[in-house]
PDB file of N, CA and C in Angstrom:
ATOM      1  N   LEU A   1     -17.757 -11.943 -53.843  1.00  0.00           N
ATOM      2  CA  LEU A   1     -16.579 -13.390 -53.037  1.00  0.00           C
ATOM      3  C   LEU A   1     -16.448 -13.148 -52.151  1.00  0.00           C
ATOM      4  N   VAL A   2     -16.656 -11.401 -51.559  1.00  0.00           N
ATOM      5  CA  VAL A   2     -16.315 -11.657 -49.845  1.00  0.00           C
ATOM      6  C   VAL A   2     -17.633 -11.970 -49.169  1.00  0.00           C
ATOM      7  N   ARG A   3     -18.958 -11.742 -49.729  1.00  0.00           N
ATOM      8  CA  ARG A   3     -20.240 -12.260 -49.304  1.00  0.00           C
ATOM      9  C   ARG A   3     -20.125 -13.717 -48.718  1.00  0.00           C
ATOM     10  N   LEU A   4     -19.125 -14.515 -49.440  1.00  0.00           N
ATOM     11  CA  LEU A   4     -19.224 -16.060 -49.323  1.00  0.00           C
ATOM     12  C   LEU A   4     -18.644 -16.226 -48.523  1.00  0.00           C
ATOM     13  N   TRP A   5     -17.080 -15.882 -48.322  1.00  0.00           N
ATOM     14  CA  TRP A   5     -15.534 -15.862 -47.583  1.00  0.00           C
ATOM     15  C   TRP A   5     -17.004 -15.433 -46.095  1.00  0.00           C
ATOM     16  N   ILE A   6     -17.755 -14.720 -46.002  1.00  0.00           N
ATOM     17  CA  ILE A   6     -18.238 -14.058 -44.706  1.00  0.00           C
ATOM     18  C   ILE A   6     -19.442 -15.253 -44.642  1.00  0.00           C
ATOM     19  N   ALA A   7     -20.110 -15.670 -45.625  1.00  0.00           N
ATOM     20  CA  ALA A   7     -21.157 -16.519 -45.311  1.00  0.00           C
ATOM     21  C   ALA A   7     -19.957 -17.389 -44.705  1.00  0.00           C
ATOM     22  N   SER A   8     -19.246 -17.883 -44.671  1.00  0.00           N
ATOM     23  CA  SER A   8     -18.403 -19.408 -44.291  1.00  0.00           C
ATOM     24  C   SER A   8     -18.180 -19.146 -43.315  1.00  0.00           C
ATOM     25  N   GLY A   9     -17.768 -18.200 -42.564  1.00  0.00           N
ATOM     26  CA  GLY A   9     -17.557 -17.785 -41.476  1.00  0.00           C
ATOM     27  C   GLY A   9     -15.947 -17.037 -41.141  1.00  0.00           C
ATOM     28  N   ARG A  10     -15.622 -16.877 -42.348  1.00  0.00           N
ATOM     29  CA  ARG A  10     -14.366 -16.510 -42.216  1.00  0.00           C
ATOM     30  C   ARG A  10     -14.031 -15.015 -42.365  1.00  0.00           C
ATOM     31  N   GLY A  11     -14.258 -14.585 -41.101  1.00  0.00           N
ATOM     32  CA  GLY A  11     -14.321 -13.261 -41.318  1.00  0.00           C
ATOM     33  C   GLY A  11     -13.688 -12.638 -40.121  1.00  0.00           C
ATOM     34  N   PRO A  12     -13.521 -11.369 -39.535  1.00  0.00           N
ATOM     35  CA  PRO A  12     -13.504 -10.721 -40.716  1.00  0.00           C
ATOM     36  C   PRO A  12     -12.271 -10.396 -42.078  1.00  0.00           C
ATOM     37  N   VAL A  13     -13.285  -9.735 -43.298  1.00  0.00           N
ATOM     38  CA  VAL A  13     -12.440 -10.340 -44.477  1.00  0.00           C
ATOM     39  C   VAL A  13     -11.675  -8.888 -44.697  1.00  0.00           C
ATOM     40  N   LEU A  14     -10.693  -9.215 -44.734  1.00  0.00           N
ATOM     41  CA  LEU A  14      -9.224  -7.641 -44.936  1.00  0.00           C
ATOM     42  C   LEU A  14      -9.622  -7.539 -46.347  1.00  0.00           C
ATOM     43  N   VAL A  15     -10.228  -5.986 -47.346  1.00  0.00           N
ATOM     44  CA  VAL A  15     -10.294  -5.446 -48.398  1.00  0.00           C
ATOM     45  C   VAL A  15      -9.035  -4.688 -48.807  1.00  0.00           C
ATOM     46  N   CYS A  16      -8.400  -4.418 -49.604  1.00  0.00           N
ATOM     47  CA  CYS A  16      -7.670  -3.878 -50.220  1.00  0.00           C
ATOM     48  C   CYS A  16      -7.556  -3.395 -51.519  1.00  0.00           C
ATOM     49  N   ALA A  17      -7.090  -1.903 -52.054  1.00  0.00           N
ATOM     50  CA  ALA A  17      -6.973  -1.390 -53.076  1.00  0.00           C
ATOM     51  C   ALA A  17      -5.355  -0.201 -52.803  1.00  0.00           C
ATOM     52  N   ASP A  18      -5.113  -0.242 -54.382  1.00  0.00           N
ATOM     53  CA  ASP A  18      -4.211   0.689 -54.269  1.00  0.00           C
ATOM     54  C   ASP A  18      -4.402   2.377 -53.397  1.00  0.00           C
ATOM     55  N   SER A  19      -5.417   2.248 -53.920  1.00  0.00           N
ATOM     56  CA  SER A  19      -5.922   4.292 -53.929  1.00  0.00           C
ATOM     57  C   SER A  19      -6.870   4.557 -52.973  1.00  0.00           C
ATOM     58  N   ASN A  20      -7.363   5.515 -52.896  1.00  0.00           N
ATOM     59  CA  ASN A  20      -8.176   5.950 -51.599  1.00  0.00           C
ATOM     60  C   ASN A  20      -9.847   5.593 -52.409  1.00  0.00           C
ATOM     61  N   VAL A  21      -9.527   6.228 -53.539  1.00  0.00           N
ATOM     62  CA  VAL A  21     -10.493   6.289 -54.499  1.00  0.00           C
ATOM     63  C   VAL A  21     -11.582   4.759 -54.882  1.00  0.00           C
ATOM     64  N   ALA A  22     -10.748   3.423 -54.892  1.00  0.00           N
ATOM     65  CA  ALA A  22     -10.535   2.234 -55.189  1.00  0.00           C
ATOM     66  C   ALA A  22     -10.599   1.837 -54.112  1.00  0.00           C
ATOM     67  N   VAL A  23     -10.313   2.091 -52.620  1.00  0.00           N
ATOM     68  CA  VAL A  23     -10.950   1.622 -51.380  1.00  0.00           C
ATOM     69  C   VAL A  23     -12.974   2.087 -51.562  1.00  0.00           C
ATOM     70  N   ASP A  24     -13.195   3.500 -51.924  1.00  0.00           N
ATOM     71  CA  ASP A  24     -13.713   3.944 -51.431  1.00  0.00           C
ATOM     72  C   ASP A  24     -15.551   3.550 -52.179  1.00  0.00           C
ATOM     73  N   ASN A  25     -14.570   2.461 -53.188  1.00  0.00           N
ATOM     74  CA  ASN A  25     -15.753   2.075 -54.112  1.00  0.00           C
ATOM     75  C   ASN A  25     -15.472   0.449 -53.738  1.00  0.00           C
ATOM     76  N   LEU A  26     -15.058  -0.007 -53.011  1.00  0.00           N
ATOM     77  CA  LEU A  26     -15.066  -1.570 -52.490  1.00  0.00           C
ATOM     78  C   LEU A  26     -15.917  -1.130 -51.418  1.00  0.00           C
ATOM     79  N   LEU A  27     -15.996  -0.113 -50.660  1.00  0.00           N
ATOM     80  CA  LEU A  27     -16.574   0.171 -49.575  1.00  0.00           C
ATOM     81  C   LEU A  27     -18.329   0.600 -50.209  1.00  0.00           C
ATOM     82  N   THR A  28     -18.330   1.068 -50.575  1.00  0.00           N
ATOM     83  CA  THR A  28     -19.835   1.433 -51.373  1.00  0.00           C
ATOM     84  C   THR A  28     -20.281   0.308 -51.680  1.00  0.00           C
ATOM     85  N   GLY A  29     -19.510  -0.870 -52.266  1.00  0.00           N
ATOM     86  CA  GLY A  29     -20.326  -2.305 -52.855  1.00  0.00           C
ATOM     87  C   GLY A  29     -20.771  -3.072 -51.706  1.00  0.00           C
ATOM     88  N   CYS A  30     -19.634  -3.242 -50.844  1.00  0.00           N
ATOM     89  CA  CYS A  30     -19.802  -3.898 -49.948  1.00  0.00           C
ATOM     90  C   CYS A  30     -20.770  -3.673 -48.868  1.00  0.00           C
ATOM     91  N   SER A  31     -20.605  -1.979 -48.589  1.00  0.00           N
ATOM     92  CA  SER A  31     -21.868  -1.480 -47.522  1.00  0.00           C
ATOM     93  C   SER A  31     -23.307  -2.139 -48.288  1.00  0.00           C
ATOM     94  N   ALA A  32     -23.118  -1.603 -50.019  1.00  0.00           N
ATOM     95  CA  ALA A  32     -24.586  -1.815 -50.621  1.00  0.00           C
ATOM     96  C   ALA A  32     -25.156  -3.044 -50.470  1.00  0.00           C
ATOM     97  N   CYS A  33     -24.222  -4.604 -50.173  1.00  0.00           N
ATOM     98  CA  CYS A  33     -24.856  -5.618 -50.316  1.00  0.00           C
ATOM     99  C   CYS A  33     -25.339  -6.056 -48.324  1.00  0.00           C
ATOM    100  N   GLY A  34     -24.783  -5.234 -48.052  1.00  0.00           N
ATOM    101  CA  GLY A  34     -25.759  -5.174 -46.583  1.00  0.00           C
ATOM    102  C   GLY A  34     -24.637  -5.738 -45.642  1.00  0.00           C
ATOM    103  N   LEU A  35     -23.247  -5.936 -46.219  1.00  0.00           N
ATOM    104  CA  LEU A  35     -22.286  -5.891 -45.317  1.00  0.00           C
ATOM    105  C   LEU A  35     -21.770  -5.308 -44.017  1.00  0.00           C
ATOM    106  N   ASN A  36     -21.477  -5.436 -42.467  1.00  0.00           N
ATOM    107  CA  ASN A  36     -20.589  -4.427 -41.843  1.00  0.00           C
ATOM    108  C   ASN A  36     -19.526  -4.114 -42.193  1.00  0.00           C
ATOM    109  N   CYS A  37     -19.406  -3.275 -42.894  1.00  0.00           N
ATOM    110  CA  CYS A  37     -17.657  -2.390 -43.072  1.00  0.00           C
ATOM    111  C   CYS A  37     -17.000  -1.493 -42.246  1.00  0.00           C
ATOM    112  N   VAL A  38     -16.097  -1.847 -41.700  1.00  0.00           N
ATOM    113  CA  VAL A  38     -15.217  -0.532 -41.373  1.00  0.00           C
ATOM    114  C   VAL A  38     -14.239  -0.121 -42.132  1.00  0.00           C
ATOM    115  N   ARG A  39     -13.823   1.482 -42.649  1.00  0.00           N
ATOM    116  CA  ARG A  39     -12.662   2.032 -42.837  1.00  0.00           C
ATOM    117  C   ARG A  39     -11.455   1.968 -42.790  1.00  0.00           C
ATOM    118  N   VAL A  40     -10.759   1.748 -43.002  1.00  0.00           N
ATOM    119  CA  VAL A  40      -8.904   2.163 -41.881  1.00  0.00           C
ATOM    120  C   VAL A  40      -9.109   3.118 -42.773  1.00  0.00           C
ATOM    121  N   GLY A  41      -7.980   3.936 -42.120  1.00  0.00           N
ATOM    122  CA  GLY A  41      -7.294   5.338 -43.191  1.00  0.00           C
ATOM    123  C   GLY A  41      -7.714   6.483 -42.401  1.00  0.00           C
ATOM    124  N   ARG A  42      -7.122   7.237 -43.698  1.00  0.00           N
ATOM    125  CA  ARG A  42      -7.529   9.035 -42.654  1.00  0.00           C
ATOM    126  C   ARG A  42      -8.342   9.629 -43.379  1.00  0.00           C
ATOM    127  N   PRO A  43      -9.555  10.061 -42.157  1.00  0.00           N
ATOM    128  CA  PRO A  43     -10.715  10.818 -41.933  1.00  0.00           C
ATOM    129  C   PRO A  43     -10.913  11.420 -43.650  1.00  0.00           C
ATOM    130  N   GLU A  44     -10.080  11.961 -43.678  1.00  0.00           N
ATOM    131  CA  GLU A  44     -10.036  12.817 -44.966  1.00  0.00           C
ATOM    132  C   GLU A  44     -10.079  12.507 -46.331  1.00  0.00           C
ATOM    133  N   ALA A  45      -9.350  11.390 -46.399  1.00  0.00           N
ATOM    134  CA  ALA A  45      -8.987  10.673 -47.630  1.00  0.00           C
ATOM    135  C   ALA A  45     -10.425   9.800 -47.842  1.00  0.00           C
ATOM    136  N   THR A  46     -11.569  10.025 -47.450  1.00  0.00           N
ATOM    137  CA  THR A  46     -12.213   9.242 -47.869  1.00  0.00           C
ATOM    138  C   THR A  46     -13.558   9.615 -47.930  1.00  0.00           C
ATOM    139  N   ARG A  47     -14.255   9.541 -49.019  1.00  0.00           N
ATOM    140  CA  ARG A  47     -15.770  10.580 -49.414  1.00  0.00           C
ATOM    141  C   ARG A  47     -16.894  10.753 -48.321  1.00  0.00           C
ATOM    142  N   PRO A  48     -16.842  11.959 -47.995  1.00  0.00           N
ATOM    143  CA  PRO A  48     -17.946  12.865 -47.213  1.00  0.00           C
ATOM    144  C   PRO A  48     -18.837  11.534 -46.888  1.00  0.00           C
ATOM    145  N   ASP A  49     -19.460  10.844 -47.975  1.00  0.00           N
ATOM    146  CA  ASP A  49     -20.466  10.293 -47.742  1.00  0.00           C
ATOM    147  C   ASP A  49     -20.542   8.840 -47.231  1.00  0.00           C
ATOM    148  N   LEU A  50     -18.944   8.266 -47.513  1.00  0.00           N
ATOM    149  CA  LEU A  50     -18.740   7.271 -46.364  1.00  0.00           C
ATOM    150  C   LEU A  50     -18.116   7.486 -45.010  1.00  0.00           C
ATOM    151  N   GLU A  51     -18.181   8.814 -44.321  1.00  0.00           N
ATOM    152  CA  GLU A  51     -17.274   9.113 -42.966  1.00  0.00           C
ATOM    153  C   GLU A  51     -18.010   7.874 -42.153  1.00  0.00           C
ATOM    154  N   GLN A  52     -19.432   7.812 -42.571  1.00  0.00           N
ATOM    155  CA  GLN A  52     -19.841   6.856 -41.066  1.00  0.00           C
ATOM    156  C   GLN A  52     -19.531   5.801 -41.315  1.00  0.00           C
ATOM    157  N   TYR A  53     -18.308   4.959 -42.155  1.00  0.00           N
ATOM    158  CA  TYR A  53     -17.659   3.787 -42.157  1.00  0.00           C
ATOM    159  C   TYR A  53     -16.068   3.781 -41.510  1.00  0.00           C
ATOM    160  N   ASN A  54     -16.080   4.938 -41.587  1.00  0.00           N
ATOM    161  CA  ASN A  54     -14.376   5.375 -41.164  1.00  0.00           C
ATOM    162  C   ASN A  54     -14.342   4.830 -39.055  1.00  0.00           C
ATOM    163  N   LEU A  55     -13.063   4.266 -39.049  1.00  0.00           N
ATOM    164  CA  LEU A  55     -12.520   3.473 -38.190  1.00  0.00           C
ATOM    165  C   LEU A  55     -13.099   4.789 -36.857  1.00  0.00           C
ATOM    166  N   LEU A  56     -12.352   5.293 -37.287  1.00  0.00           N
ATOM    167  CA  LEU A  56     -12.575   6.796 -35.746  1.00  0.00           C
ATOM    168  C   LEU A  56     -14.153   6.961 -35.478  1.00  0.00           C
ATOM    169  N   GLU A  57     -14.826   6.767 -36.518  1.00  0.00           N
ATOM    170  CA  GLU A  57     -16.085   7.430 -36.261  1.00  0.00           C
ATOM    171  C   GLU A  57     -16.544   6.135 -35.595  1.00  0.00           C
ATOM    172  N   ARG A  58     -16.578   4.846 -36.166  1.00  0.00           N
ATOM    173  CA  ARG A  58     -17.151   3.192 -35.684  1.00  0.00           C
ATOM    174  C   ARG A  58     -16.509   3.403 -33.920  1.00  0.00           C
ATOM    175  N   SER A  59     -15.595   3.855 -33.480  1.00  0.00           N
ATOM    176  CA  SER A  59     -15.365   3.753 -32.360  1.00  0.00           C
ATOM    177  C   SER A  59     -15.833   4.371 -31.377  1.00  0.00           C
ATOM    178  N   LYS A  60     -16.383   5.566 -32.073  1.00  0.00           N
ATOM    179  CA  LYS A  60     -16.866   6.892 -31.428  1.00  0.00           C
ATOM    180  C   LYS A  60     -18.473   5.916 -31.030  1.00  0.00           C
ATOM    181  N   GLU A  61     -18.923   5.417 -32.103  1.00  0.00           N
ATOM    182  CA  GLU A  61     -20.099   4.979 -31.834  1.00  0.00           C
ATOM    183  C   GLU A  61     -20.070   3.999 -30.539  1.00  0.00           C
ATOM    184  N   GLN A  62     -19.593   3.396 -30.240  1.00  0.00           N
ATOM    185  CA  GLN A  62     -19.414   2.231 -28.947  1.00  0.00           C
ATOM    186  C   GLN A  62     -18.801   3.060 -27.865  1.00  0.00           C
ATOM    187  N   SER A  63     -18.155   3.984 -28.069  1.00  0.00           N
ATOM    188  CA  SER A  63     -17.970   4.374 -26.479  1.00  0.00           C
ATOM    189  C   SER A  63     -18.815   5.934 -26.289  1.00  0.00           C
ATOM    190  N   SER A  64     -18.957   6.118 -24.963  1.00  0.00           N
ATOM    191  CA  SER A  64     -19.190   7.320 -24.243  1.00  0.00           C
ATOM    192  C   SER A  64     -18.419   8.449 -24.473  1.00  0.00           C
ATOM    193  N   LEU A  65     -18.421   9.679 -24.060  1.00  0.00           N
ATOM    194  CA  LEU A  65     -17.906  11.157 -24.480  1.00  0.00           C
ATOM    195  C   LEU A  65     -16.789  10.623 -23.383  1.00  0.00           C
ATOM    196  N   ALA A  66     -16.764  10.453 -22.238  1.00  0.00           N
ATOM    197  CA  ALA A  66     -15.860  10.415 -21.598  1.00  0.00           C
ATOM    198  C   ALA A  66     -14.881   9.505 -21.612  1.00  0.00           C
ATOM    199  N   THR A  67     -15.795   7.940 -22.111  1.00  0.00           N
ATOM    200  CA  THR A  67     -14.132   6.776 -22.490  1.00  0.00           C
ATOM    201  C   THR A  67     -13.639   7.629 -23.288  1.00  0.00           C
ATOM    202  N   ILE A  68     -13.851   7.953 -24.360  1.00  0.00           N
ATOM    203  CA  ILE A  68     -13.378   9.030 -25.661  1.00  0.00           C
ATOM    204  C   ILE A  68     -12.211   9.526 -25.447  1.00  0.00           C
ATOM    205  N   ALA A  69     -12.447  10.468 -24.262  1.00  0.00           N
ATOM    206  CA  ALA A  69     -12.277  11.498 -23.692  1.00  0.00           C
ATOM    207  C   ALA A  69     -10.371  11.059 -22.825  1.00  0.00           C
ATOM    208  N   ALA A  70     -10.817   9.590 -22.033  1.00  0.00           N
ATOM    209  CA  ALA A  70     -10.032   9.281 -21.506  1.00  0.00           C
ATOM    210  C   ALA A  70      -8.965   8.564 -21.836  1.00  0.00           C
ATOM    211  N   ALA A  71      -9.394   7.930 -22.886  1.00  0.00           N
ATOM    212  CA  ALA A  71      -8.879   6.729 -24.201  1.00  0.00           C
ATOM    213  C   ALA A  71      -7.707   7.728 -25.090  1.00  0.00           C
ATOM    214  N   GLN A  72      -8.017   9.330 -25.198  1.00  0.00           N
ATOM    215  CA  GLN A  72      -7.120  10.059 -25.634  1.00  0.00           C
ATOM    216  C   GLN A  72      -5.981  10.473 -25.035  1.00  0.00           C
ATOM    217  N   LEU A  73      -6.305  10.349 -24.064  1.00  0.00           N
ATOM    218  CA  LEU A  73      -4.943  10.950 -22.649  1.00  0.00           C
ATOM    219  C   LEU A  73      -3.879   9.087 -22.797  1.00  0.00           C
ATOM    220  N   ASN A  74      -5.267   8.322 -22.925  1.00  0.00           N
ATOM    221  CA  ASN A  74      -4.112   6.964 -22.980  1.00  0.00           C
ATOM    222  C   ASN A  74      -3.962   6.292 -23.690  1.00  0.00           C
ATOM    223  N   GLY A  75      -3.284   6.396 -25.108  1.00  0.00           N
ATOM    224  CA  GLY A  75      -3.100   5.668 -26.542  1.00  0.00           C
ATOM    225  C   GLY A  75      -3.209   4.526 -26.329  1.00  0.00           C
ATOM    226  N   ASN A  76      -3.669   3.669 -24.931  1.00  0.00           N
ATOM    227  CA  ASN A  76      -3.656   1.771 -25.575  1.00  0.00           C
ATOM    228  C   ASN A  76      -5.044   2.011 -25.489  1.00  0.00           C
ATOM    229  N   ASN A  77      -5.720   2.654 -24.495  1.00  0.00           N
ATOM    230  CA  ASN A  77      -7.033   2.587 -24.315  1.00  0.00           C
ATOM    231  C   ASN A  77      -8.072   2.685 -25.686  1.00  0.00           C
ATOM    232  N   PHE A  78      -7.244   3.499 -26.566  1.00  0.00           N
ATOM    233  CA  PHE A  78      -8.175   3.973 -28.043  1.00  0.00           C
ATOM    234  C   PHE A  78      -7.955   2.829 -28.544  1.00  0.00           C
ATOM    235  N   TRP A  79      -6.593   2.079 -28.634  1.00  0.00           N
ATOM    236  CA  TRP A  79      -6.613   1.348 -29.476  1.00  0.00           C
ATOM    237  C   TRP A  79      -7.497   0.208 -29.384  1.00  0.00           C
ATOM    238  N   ALA A  80      -7.472  -0.394 -28.092  1.00  0.00           N
ATOM    239  CA  ALA A  80      -8.703  -0.895 -27.710  1.00  0.00           C
ATOM    240  C   ALA A  80     -10.251  -0.809 -28.051  1.00  0.00           C
ATOM    241  N   GLN A  81     -10.307   0.652 -27.970  1.00  0.00           N
ATOM    242  CA  GLN A  81     -11.837   0.616 -28.325  1.00  0.00           C
ATOM    243  C   GLN A  81     -11.850   0.416 -30.504  1.00  0.00           C
ATOM    244  N   GLU A  82     -10.910   0.699 -31.233  1.00  0.00           N
ATOM    245  CA  GLU A  82     -10.475   0.934 -32.733  1.00  0.00           C
ATOM    246  C   GLU A  82     -10.938  -0.949 -32.594  1.00  0.00           C
ATOM    247  N   LYS A  83      -9.745  -1.550 -32.029  1.00  0.00           N
ATOM    248  CA  LYS A  83      -9.908  -2.780 -32.513  1.00  0.00           C
ATOM    249  C   LYS A  83     -11.457  -3.693 -31.597  1.00  0.00           C
ATOM    250  N   LYS A  84     -12.238  -2.837 -30.853  1.00  0.00           N
ATOM    251  CA  LYS A  84     -13.632  -3.611 -31.183  1.00  0.00           C
ATOM    252  C   LYS A  84     -13.991  -3.516 -32.159  1.00  0.00           C
ATOM    253  N   ALA A  85     -14.004  -2.276 -32.383  1.00  0.00           N
ATOM    254  CA  ALA A  85     -14.803  -1.767 -33.899  1.00  0.00           C
ATOM    255  C   ALA A  85     -14.830  -2.615 -34.636  1.00  0.00           C
ATOM    256  N   LEU A  86     -13.131  -3.049 -34.916  1.00  0.00           N
ATOM    257  CA  LEU A  86     -12.717  -4.159 -36.370  1.00  0.00           C
ATOM    258  C   LEU A  86     -13.114  -5.398 -36.099  1.00  0.00           C
ATOM    259  N   ALA A  87     -13.257  -5.902 -34.504  1.00  0.00           N
ATOM    260  CA  ALA A  87     -14.142  -7.327 -34.480  1.00  0.00           C
ATOM    261  C   ALA A  87     -15.481  -7.169 -34.317  1.00  0.00           C
ATOM    262  N   ALA A  88     -16.356  -6.235 -34.448  1.00  0.00           N
ATOM    263  CA  ALA A  88     -17.745  -6.299 -34.913  1.00  0.00           C
ATOM    264  C   ALA A  88     -17.500  -6.004 -36.342  1.00  0.00           C
ATOM    265  N   ALA A  89     -16.527  -5.960 -37.189  1.00  0.00           N
ATOM    266  CA  ALA A  89     -16.889  -5.684 -38.719  1.00  0.00           C
ATOM    267  C   ALA A  89     -16.667  -6.779 -39.556  1.00  0.00           C
ATOM    268  N   GLU A  90     -17.451  -7.110 -40.478  1.00  0.00           N
ATOM    269  CA  GLU A  90     -17.495  -8.148 -41.460  1.00  0.00           C
ATOM    270  C   GLU A  90     -16.391  -7.692 -42.532  1.00  0.00           C
ATOM    271  N   VAL A  91     -16.341  -6.805 -43.045  1.00  0.00           N
ATOM    272  CA  VAL A  91     -15.243  -6.081 -43.741  1.00  0.00           C
ATOM    273  C   VAL A  91     -14.618  -5.341 -43.569  1.00  0.00           C
ATOM    274  N   ILE A  92     -13.151  -5.278 -43.152  1.00  0.00           N
ATOM    275  CA  ILE A  92     -12.530  -3.974 -43.044  1.00  0.00           C
ATOM    276  C   ILE A  92     -11.758  -3.476 -44.614  1.00  0.00           C
ATOM    277  N   CYS A  93     -11.872  -2.610 -44.755  1.00  0.00           N
ATOM    278  CA  CYS A  93     -11.361  -1.825 -46.039  1.00  0.00           C
ATOM    279  C   CYS A  93     -10.293  -0.953 -45.983  1.00  0.00           C
ATOM    280  N   CYS A  94      -9.336  -1.139 -46.462  1.00  0.00           N
ATOM    281  CA  CYS A  94      -7.865  -0.017 -46.559  1.00  0.00           C
ATOM    282  C   CYS A  94      -7.436  -0.061 -47.968  1.00  0.00           C
ATOM    283  N   THR A  95      -6.413   0.817 -47.794  1.00  0.00           N
ATOM    284  CA  THR A  95      -5.362   0.939 -48.746  1.00  0.00           C
ATOM    285  C   THR A  95      -4.631  -0.311 -49.022  1.00  0.00           C
ATOM    286  N   CYS A  96      -3.194  -0.527 -49.737  1.00  0.00           N
ATOM    287  CA  CYS A  96      -2.347  -1.698 -49.471  1.00  0.00           C
ATOM    288  C   CYS A  96      -1.334  -1.009 -48.365  1.00  0.00           C
ATOM    289  N   SER A  97      -1.139   0.464 -48.588  1.00  0.00           N
ATOM    290  CA  SER A  97      -0.230   0.697 -47.241  1.00  0.00           C
ATOM    291  C   SER A  97      -0.653   0.950 -45.959  1.00  0.00           C
ATOM    292  N   GLY A  98      -2.223   1.657 -46.048  1.00  0.00           N
ATOM    293  CA  GLY A  98      -2.899   1.060 -44.986  1.00  0.00           C
ATOM    294  C   GLY A  98      -3.132  -0.095 -43.828  1.00  0.00           C
ATOM    295  N   ALA A  99      -2.944  -1.586 -44.932  1.00  0.00           N
ATOM    296  CA  ALA A  99      -3.113  -2.694 -44.767  1.00  0.00           C
ATOM    297  C   ALA A  99      -2.024  -2.494 -43.523  1.00  0.00           C
ATOM    298  N   ASP A 100      -0.829  -1.861 -43.180  1.00  0.00           N
ATOM    299  CA  ASP A 100       0.406  -2.334 -42.121  1.00  0.00           C
ATOM    300  C   ASP A 100      -0.206  -1.137 -41.114  1.00  0.00           C
ATOM    301  N   HIS A 101      -1.314  -0.890 -40.732  1.00  0.00           N
ATOM    302  CA  HIS A 101      -1.868   0.318 -39.794  1.00  0.00           C
ATOM    303  C   HIS A 101      -1.570  -0.715 -38.347  1.00  0.00           C
ATOM    304  N   PRO A 102      -1.056  -0.124 -37.654  1.00  0.00           N
ATOM    305  CA  PRO A 102      -1.126  -0.649 -36.090  1.00  0.00           C
ATOM    306  C   PRO A 102      -1.981  -1.086 -35.438  1.00  0.00           C
ATOM    307  N   VAL A 103      -3.230  -0.580 -35.689  1.00  0.00           N
ATOM    308  CA  VAL A 103      -4.638  -0.762 -35.101  1.00  0.00           C
ATOM    309  C   VAL A 103      -4.620  -2.729 -35.764  1.00  0.00           C
ATOM    310  N   LEU A 104      -4.041  -2.963 -37.333  1.00  0.00           N
ATOM    311  CA  LEU A 104      -4.814  -4.346 -37.684  1.00  0.00           C
ATOM    312  C   LEU A 104      -3.153  -5.488 -36.567  1.00  0.00           C
ATOM    313  N   GLN A 105      -2.806  -4.765 -36.446  1.00  0.00           N
ATOM    314  CA  GLN A 105      -1.936  -5.484 -35.636  1.00  0.00           C
ATOM    315  C   GLN A 105      -2.040  -6.581 -34.781  1.00  0.00           C
ATOM    316  N   ASP A 106      -1.721  -7.971 -34.661  1.00  0.00           N
ATOM    317  CA  ASP A 106      -2.053  -8.136 -33.006  1.00  0.00           C
ATOM    318  C   ASP A 106      -1.328  -7.922 -31.836  1.00  0.00           C
TER     319      ASP A 106
END
């Protein structure tokens, strides 16, 4: 179903579940299908084998160390880096409560 939404140009698609384990299962399935996924949430709540999909890791991949250091001093810049990582994703995975994360708000 998620692949159909992506194929129809309706992305990024937000997929949510009640628990972190369930979100990790959704993330595993979506990434196995070759979809570009990002997981929003606390890094310690994610399985170690899925850390590469965490929003913080994806933000770091798209930024230099100098940019990250400057962004941490100014919270708004760091949100911009995270929003870039989300915009590049096809699928955004999070818990139902994580769907209210400030970075997902306009």
